[in-house]
Amino acid sequence: MRGKLPPPDPFESFDDPRLVIPAPTSVFLKGCTTPDAERVARAILAARPGLLLICVAD
């Protein structure tokens, strides 16, 4: 990945034990995805683990 991700949102909360995600997770809101979109999602999650919601416009 060439560009840098923006800093985390200052209002993100990382200390709520009810919101524990056991592993980096990507959710494609429109279902099936392309290999390119999956590759980009993996790269983003490698840089900033957590929950990533993705909506790809057709």
C-alpha atoms as a PDB file:
ATOM      1  CA  MET A   1       0.000   0.000   0.000  1.00  0.00           C
ATOM      2  CA  ARG A   2       1.559   3.284  -1.063  1.00  0.00           C
ATOM      3  CA  GLY A   3      -0.567   5.821   0.766  1.00  0.00           C
ATOM      4  CA  LYS A   4      -0.983   6.125   4.486  1.00  0.00           C
ATOM      5  CA  LEU A   5      -4.215   5.613   6.370  1.00  0.00           C
ATOM      6  CA  PRO A   6      -5.568   8.600   8.286  1.00  0.00           C
ATOM      7  CA  PRO A   7      -5.095   8.574  12.057  1.00  0.00           C
ATOM      8  CA  PRO A   8      -7.719   6.752  14.125  1.00  0.00           C
ATOM      9  CA  ASP A   9     -10.911   8.667  14.835  1.00  0.00           C
ATOM     10  CA  PRO A  10     -10.454  10.482  18.172  1.00  0.00           C
ATOM     11  CA  PHE A  11     -13.928   9.319  19.185  1.00  0.00           C
ATOM     12  CA  GLU A  12     -13.178   5.609  18.600  1.00  0.00           C
ATOM     13  CA  SER A  13     -13.432   3.635  21.818  1.00  0.00           C
ATOM     14  CA  PHE A  14     -11.108   0.681  22.327  1.00  0.00           C
ATOM     15  CA  ASP A  15     -11.807  -0.012  25.983  1.00  0.00           C
ATOM     16  CA  ASP A  16     -15.367  -1.416  25.929  1.00  0.00           C
ATOM     17  CA  PRO A  17     -15.059  -5.166  26.735  1.00  0.00           C
ATOM     18  CA  ARG A  18     -18.423  -5.854  25.056  1.00  0.00           C
ATOM     19  CA  LEU A  19     -16.945  -4.826  21.705  1.00  0.00           C
ATOM     20  CA  VAL A  20     -14.102  -7.342  21.520  1.00  0.00           C
ATOM     21  CA  ILE A  21     -13.483  -8.646  18.005  1.00  0.00           C
ATOM     22  CA  PRO A  22     -11.453 -11.887  18.139  1.00  0.00           C
ATOM     23  CA  ALA A  23      -9.700 -11.265  14.807  1.00  0.00           C
ATOM     24  CA  PRO A  24      -9.525  -8.619  12.075  1.00  0.00           C
ATOM     25  CA  THR A  25     -12.826  -8.890  10.188  1.00  0.00           C
ATOM     26  CA  SER A  26     -14.079  -7.488   6.903  1.00  0.00           C
ATOM     27  CA  VAL A  27     -17.792  -7.415   6.083  1.00  0.00           C
ATOM     28  CA  PHE A  28     -18.852  -6.789   2.490  1.00  0.00           C
ATOM     29  CA  LEU A  29     -22.336  -5.297   2.784  1.00  0.00           C
ATOM     30  CA  LYS A  30     -23.327  -6.297  -0.751  1.00  0.00           C
ATOM     31  CA  GLY A  31     -22.235  -9.914  -0.333  1.00  0.00           C
ATOM     32  CA  CYS A  32     -19.844 -11.490  -2.848  1.00  0.00           C
ATOM     33  CA  THR A  33     -16.810  -9.457  -3.757  1.00  0.00           C
ATOM     34  CA  THR A  34     -13.935  -9.377  -6.222  1.00  0.00           C
ATOM     35  CA  PRO A  35     -10.424 -10.654  -5.493  1.00  0.00           C
ATOM     36  CA  ASP A  36      -9.141  -7.065  -5.800  1.00  0.00           C
ATOM     37  CA  ALA A  37     -11.593  -5.766  -3.180  1.00  0.00           C
ATOM     38  CA  GLU A  38     -10.673  -8.643  -0.866  1.00  0.00           C
ATOM     39  CA  ARG A  39      -6.958  -7.867  -1.323  1.00  0.00           C
ATOM     40  CA  VAL A  40      -7.495  -4.196  -0.448  1.00  0.00           C
ATOM     41  CA  ALA A  41      -9.561  -5.142   2.614  1.00  0.00           C
ATOM     42  CA  ARG A  42      -6.795  -7.478   3.832  1.00  0.00           C
ATOM     43  CA  ALA A  43      -4.198  -4.707   3.358  1.00  0.00           C
ATOM     44  CA  ILE A  44      -6.290  -2.209   5.347  1.00  0.00           C
ATOM     45  CA  LEU A  45      -6.870  -4.719   8.149  1.00  0.00           C
ATOM     46  CA  ALA A  46      -3.151  -5.536   8.257  1.00  0.00           C
ATOM     47  CA  ALA A  47      -2.402  -1.840   8.833  1.00  0.00           C
ATOM     48  CA  ARG A  48      -5.276  -1.225  11.246  1.00  0.00           C
ATOM     49  CA  PRO A  49      -6.861  -4.414  12.688  1.00  0.00           C
ATOM     50  CA  GLY A  50     -10.499  -4.335  13.717  1.00  0.00           C
ATOM     51  CA  LEU A  51     -13.874  -4.438  11.986  1.00  0.00           C
ATOM     52  CA  LEU A  52     -14.021  -3.098   8.436  1.00  0.00           C
ATOM     53  CA  LEU A  53     -17.420  -2.551   6.772  1.00  0.00           C
ATOM     54  CA  ILE A  54     -17.203  -2.300   2.982  1.00  0.00           C
ATOM     55  CA  CYS A  55     -19.845  -1.191   0.505  1.00  0.00           C
ATOM     56  CA  VAL A  56     -18.609  -1.375  -3.088  1.00  0.00           C
ATOM     57  CA  ALA A  57     -20.546   0.663  -5.633  1.00  0.00           C
ATOM     58  CA  ASP A  58     -21.228  -1.081  -8.929  1.00  0.00           C
END
